[in-house]
Amino acid sequence: MYLNPYIFTIPVYKDMPTETVLPSESSPINYLSSLTVNKGTLSPAFNKETLLYNVEVENEISAITISGEKEDTLSKVNGFGTYVLTSGENTITVRVTSETGITRDYVINVFRKLNADA
């Protein structure tokens, strides 16, 4: 048995909140695990950390479909679907929003070759 009392210090800081808040249990993950186009090829090849891609298609291709998979089932994706292409450059953005609301944009520049008859 100890005969000496325990002495300890509780720090008090200026402007401390009156209540404590636990860290959020929501997922911050906002990555895609895959990204594909049905016409042409992504350049560079897909990497979840790479945010800018290029695709070149022939003039006969009038539409392109963008699809993929999200890394976290709790995140939301906006931008998958079919897009009508104009001649020249077309910019498509796929936005992944984590459960915590943090967004990540994958940008795909689709270049539709100009009509040879023009």
C-alpha atoms as a PDB file:
ATOM      1  CA  MET A   1       0.000   0.000   0.000  1.00  0.00           C
ATOM      2  CA  TYR A   2       1.254   3.427  -0.944  1.00  0.00           C
ATOM      3  CA  LEU A   3       1.358   6.006   1.771  1.00  0.00           C
ATOM      4  CA  ASN A   4       1.996   9.000  -0.484  1.00  0.00           C
ATOM      5  CA  PRO A   5      -0.972  10.581  -2.297  1.00  0.00           C
ATOM      6  CA  TYR A   6      -1.069  10.668  -6.104  1.00  0.00           C
ATOM      7  CA  ILE A   7      -0.538  14.107  -7.570  1.00  0.00           C
ATOM      8  CA  PHE A   8      -1.420  14.860 -11.145  1.00  0.00           C
ATOM      9  CA  THR A   9      -2.149  17.918 -13.235  1.00  0.00           C
ATOM     10  CA  ILE A  10      -5.112  18.504 -15.536  1.00  0.00           C
ATOM     11  CA  PRO A  11      -4.255  21.019 -18.249  1.00  0.00           C
ATOM     12  CA  VAL A  12      -6.805  23.715 -18.994  1.00  0.00           C
ATOM     13  CA  TYR A  13      -6.507  25.631 -22.251  1.00  0.00           C
ATOM     14  CA  LYS A  14      -7.955  28.971 -23.248  1.00  0.00           C
ATOM     15  CA  ASP A  15     -11.215  28.718 -25.249  1.00  0.00           C
ATOM     16  CA  MET A  16     -11.672  24.994 -24.640  1.00  0.00           C
ATOM     17  CA  PRO A  17     -15.072  23.680 -25.736  1.00  0.00           C
ATOM     18  CA  THR A  18     -17.456  22.685 -22.979  1.00  0.00           C
ATOM     19  CA  GLU A  19     -18.090  19.305 -24.631  1.00  0.00           C
ATOM     20  CA  THR A  20     -15.893  16.812 -26.403  1.00  0.00           C
ATOM     21  CA  VAL A  21     -16.710  15.425 -29.852  1.00  0.00           C
ATOM     22  CA  LEU A  22     -15.613  12.039 -31.088  1.00  0.00           C
ATOM     23  CA  PRO A  23     -14.013  11.845 -34.517  1.00  0.00           C
ATOM     24  CA  SER A  24     -16.393  11.198 -37.399  1.00  0.00           C
ATOM     25  CA  GLU A  25     -16.948   7.557 -38.264  1.00  0.00           C
ATOM     26  CA  SER A  26     -17.910   8.532 -41.830  1.00  0.00           C
ATOM     27  CA  SER A  27     -15.656   7.406 -44.640  1.00  0.00           C
ATOM     28  CA  PRO A  28     -13.367  10.023 -46.250  1.00  0.00           C
ATOM     29  CA  ILE A  29     -12.547   7.765 -49.249  1.00  0.00           C
ATOM     30  CA  ASN A  30     -13.341   9.421 -52.600  1.00  0.00           C
ATOM     31  CA  TYR A  31     -11.426   7.346 -55.154  1.00  0.00           C
ATOM     32  CA  LEU A  32     -12.483   5.305 -58.142  1.00  0.00           C
ATOM     33  CA  SER A  33     -11.117   1.771 -58.346  1.00  0.00           C
ATOM     34  CA  SER A  34     -11.673   1.695 -62.119  1.00  0.00           C
ATOM     35  CA  LEU A  35     -12.561   4.083 -64.933  1.00  0.00           C
ATOM     36  CA  THR A  36     -13.389   2.948 -68.467  1.00  0.00           C
ATOM     37  CA  VAL A  37     -14.573   4.305 -71.800  1.00  0.00           C
ATOM     38  CA  ASN A  38     -16.403   2.176 -74.372  1.00  0.00           C
ATOM     39  CA  LYS A  39     -14.616   3.811 -77.340  1.00  0.00           C
ATOM     40  CA  GLY A  40     -10.928   4.651 -77.535  1.00  0.00           C
ATOM     41  CA  THR A  41      -8.397   4.159 -74.752  1.00  0.00           C
ATOM     42  CA  LEU A  42      -7.663   6.198 -71.638  1.00  0.00           C
ATOM     43  CA  SER A  43      -4.251   7.816 -71.724  1.00  0.00           C
ATOM     44  CA  PRO A  44      -2.503   7.418 -69.376  1.00  0.00           C
ATOM     45  CA  ALA A  45      -3.821   4.053 -68.171  1.00  0.00           C
ATOM     46  CA  PHE A  46      -6.134   4.360 -65.177  1.00  0.00           C
ATOM     47  CA  ASN A  47      -4.573   4.979 -61.782  1.00  0.00           C
ATOM     48  CA  LYS A  48      -6.788   6.096 -58.914  1.00  0.00           C
ATOM     49  CA  GLU A  49      -4.341   8.924 -58.095  1.00  0.00           C
ATOM     50  CA  THR A  50      -4.321  10.295 -61.672  1.00  0.00           C
ATOM     51  CA  LEU A  51      -7.027  12.899 -62.241  1.00  0.00           C
ATOM     52  CA  LEU A  52      -6.548  13.884 -65.912  1.00  0.00           C
ATOM     53  CA  TYR A  53      -7.020  11.563 -68.889  1.00  0.00           C
ATOM     54  CA  ASN A  54      -7.177  11.877 -72.673  1.00  0.00           C
ATOM     55  CA  VAL A  55      -9.073   9.791 -75.213  1.00  0.00           C
ATOM     56  CA  GLU A  56      -8.966  10.161 -78.995  1.00  0.00           C
ATOM     57  CA  VAL A  57     -11.778   8.796 -81.180  1.00  0.00           C
ATOM     58  CA  GLU A  58     -12.527   8.837 -84.900  1.00  0.00           C
ATOM     59  CA  ASN A  59     -15.040  11.340 -86.285  1.00  0.00           C
ATOM     60  CA  GLU A  60     -17.539   8.516 -86.881  1.00  0.00           C
ATOM     61  CA  ILE A  61     -17.861   8.070 -83.098  1.00  0.00           C
ATOM     62  CA  SER A  62     -20.693  10.379 -82.062  1.00  0.00           C
ATOM     63  CA  ALA A  63     -21.035   9.286 -78.418  1.00  0.00           C
ATOM     64  CA  ILE A  64     -18.956   7.742 -75.658  1.00  0.00           C
ATOM     65  CA  THR A  65     -19.951   5.920 -72.469  1.00  0.00           C
ATOM     66  CA  ILE A  66     -17.999   6.502 -69.266  1.00  0.00           C
ATOM     67  CA  SER A  67     -18.235   3.885 -66.516  1.00  0.00           C
ATOM     68  CA  GLY A  68     -16.252   2.568 -63.592  1.00  0.00           C
ATOM     69  CA  GLU A  69     -16.323   1.458 -59.998  1.00  0.00           C
ATOM     70  CA  LYS A  70     -16.000   3.452 -56.808  1.00  0.00           C
ATOM     71  CA  GLU A  71     -13.474   2.308 -54.235  1.00  0.00           C
ATOM     72  CA  ASP A  72     -15.834   2.802 -51.298  1.00  0.00           C
ATOM     73  CA  THR A  73     -19.463   1.695 -51.436  1.00  0.00           C
ATOM     74  CA  LEU A  74     -20.401   4.669 -49.221  1.00  0.00           C
ATOM     75  CA  SER A  75     -19.142   7.266 -51.723  1.00  0.00           C
ATOM     76  CA  LYS A  76     -21.278   8.737 -54.519  1.00  0.00           C
ATOM     77  CA  VAL A  77     -20.325   9.125 -58.184  1.00  0.00           C
ATOM     78  CA  ASN A  78     -21.697  11.700 -60.597  1.00  0.00           C
ATOM     79  CA  GLY A  79     -20.592  11.614 -64.223  1.00  0.00           C
ATOM     80  CA  PHE A  80     -20.966   8.039 -65.400  1.00  0.00           C
ATOM     81  CA  GLY A  81     -23.128   7.693 -68.496  1.00  0.00           C
ATOM     82  CA  THR A  82     -23.260   8.333 -72.220  1.00  0.00           C
ATOM     83  CA  TYR A  83     -22.131  11.641 -73.710  1.00  0.00           C
ATOM     84  CA  VAL A  84     -22.792  12.986 -77.202  1.00  0.00           C
ATOM     85  CA  LEU A  85     -19.521  14.241 -78.714  1.00  0.00           C
ATOM     86  CA  THR A  86     -18.914  17.300 -80.828  1.00  0.00           C
ATOM     87  CA  SER A  87     -15.979  17.465 -83.233  1.00  0.00           C
ATOM     88  CA  GLY A  88     -12.828  18.537 -81.429  1.00  0.00           C
ATOM     89  CA  GLU A  89     -12.320  18.511 -77.679  1.00  0.00           C
ATOM     90  CA  ASN A  90     -15.017  17.397 -75.237  1.00  0.00           C
ATOM     91  CA  THR A  91     -14.391  17.592 -71.491  1.00  0.00           C
ATOM     92  CA  ILE A  92     -16.159  15.148 -69.178  1.00  0.00           C
ATOM     93  CA  THR A  93     -15.848  15.279 -65.399  1.00  0.00           C
ATOM     94  CA  VAL A  94     -16.532  12.351 -63.091  1.00  0.00           C
ATOM     95  CA  ARG A  95     -16.927  13.531 -59.498  1.00  0.00           C
ATOM     96  CA  VAL A  96     -16.565  11.151 -56.551  1.00  0.00           C
ATOM     97  CA  THR A  97     -17.938  12.429 -53.237  1.00  0.00           C
ATOM     98  CA  SER A  98     -16.945  10.683 -50.026  1.00  0.00           C
ATOM     99  CA  GLU A  99     -19.432  10.043 -47.236  1.00  0.00           C
ATOM    100  CA  THR A 100     -17.852  13.017 -45.424  1.00  0.00           C
ATOM    101  CA  GLY A 101     -18.521  15.304 -48.438  1.00  0.00           C
ATOM    102  CA  ILE A 102     -14.960  15.581 -49.787  1.00  0.00           C
ATOM    103  CA  THR A 103     -14.902  15.554 -53.599  1.00  0.00           C
ATOM    104  CA  ARG A 104     -12.379  14.284 -56.162  1.00  0.00           C
ATOM    105  CA  ASP A 105     -12.762  15.103 -59.875  1.00  0.00           C
ATOM    106  CA  TYR A 106     -11.501  12.828 -62.636  1.00  0.00           C
ATOM    107  CA  VAL A 107     -11.366  14.803 -65.908  1.00  0.00           C
ATOM    108  CA  ILE A 108     -11.484  13.060 -69.285  1.00  0.00           C
ATOM    109  CA  ASN A 109     -10.665  15.096 -72.389  1.00  0.00           C
ATOM    110  CA  VAL A 110     -12.193  13.277 -75.347  1.00  0.00           C
ATOM    111  CA  PHE A 111     -10.892  14.466 -78.710  1.00  0.00           C
ATOM    112  CA  ARG A 112     -13.190  13.572 -81.600  1.00  0.00           C
ATOM    113  CA  LYS A 113     -11.211  13.869 -84.827  1.00  0.00           C
ATOM    114  CA  LEU A 114     -12.458  16.439 -87.289  1.00  0.00           C
ATOM    115  CA  ASN A 115     -14.438  15.304 -90.316  1.00  0.00           C
ATOM    116  CA  ALA A 116     -12.035  14.745 -93.222  1.00  0.00           C
ATOM    117  CA  ASP A 117     -14.638  16.162 -95.672  1.00  0.00           C
ATOM    118  CA  ALA A 118     -14.850  19.489 -93.826  1.00  0.00           C
END
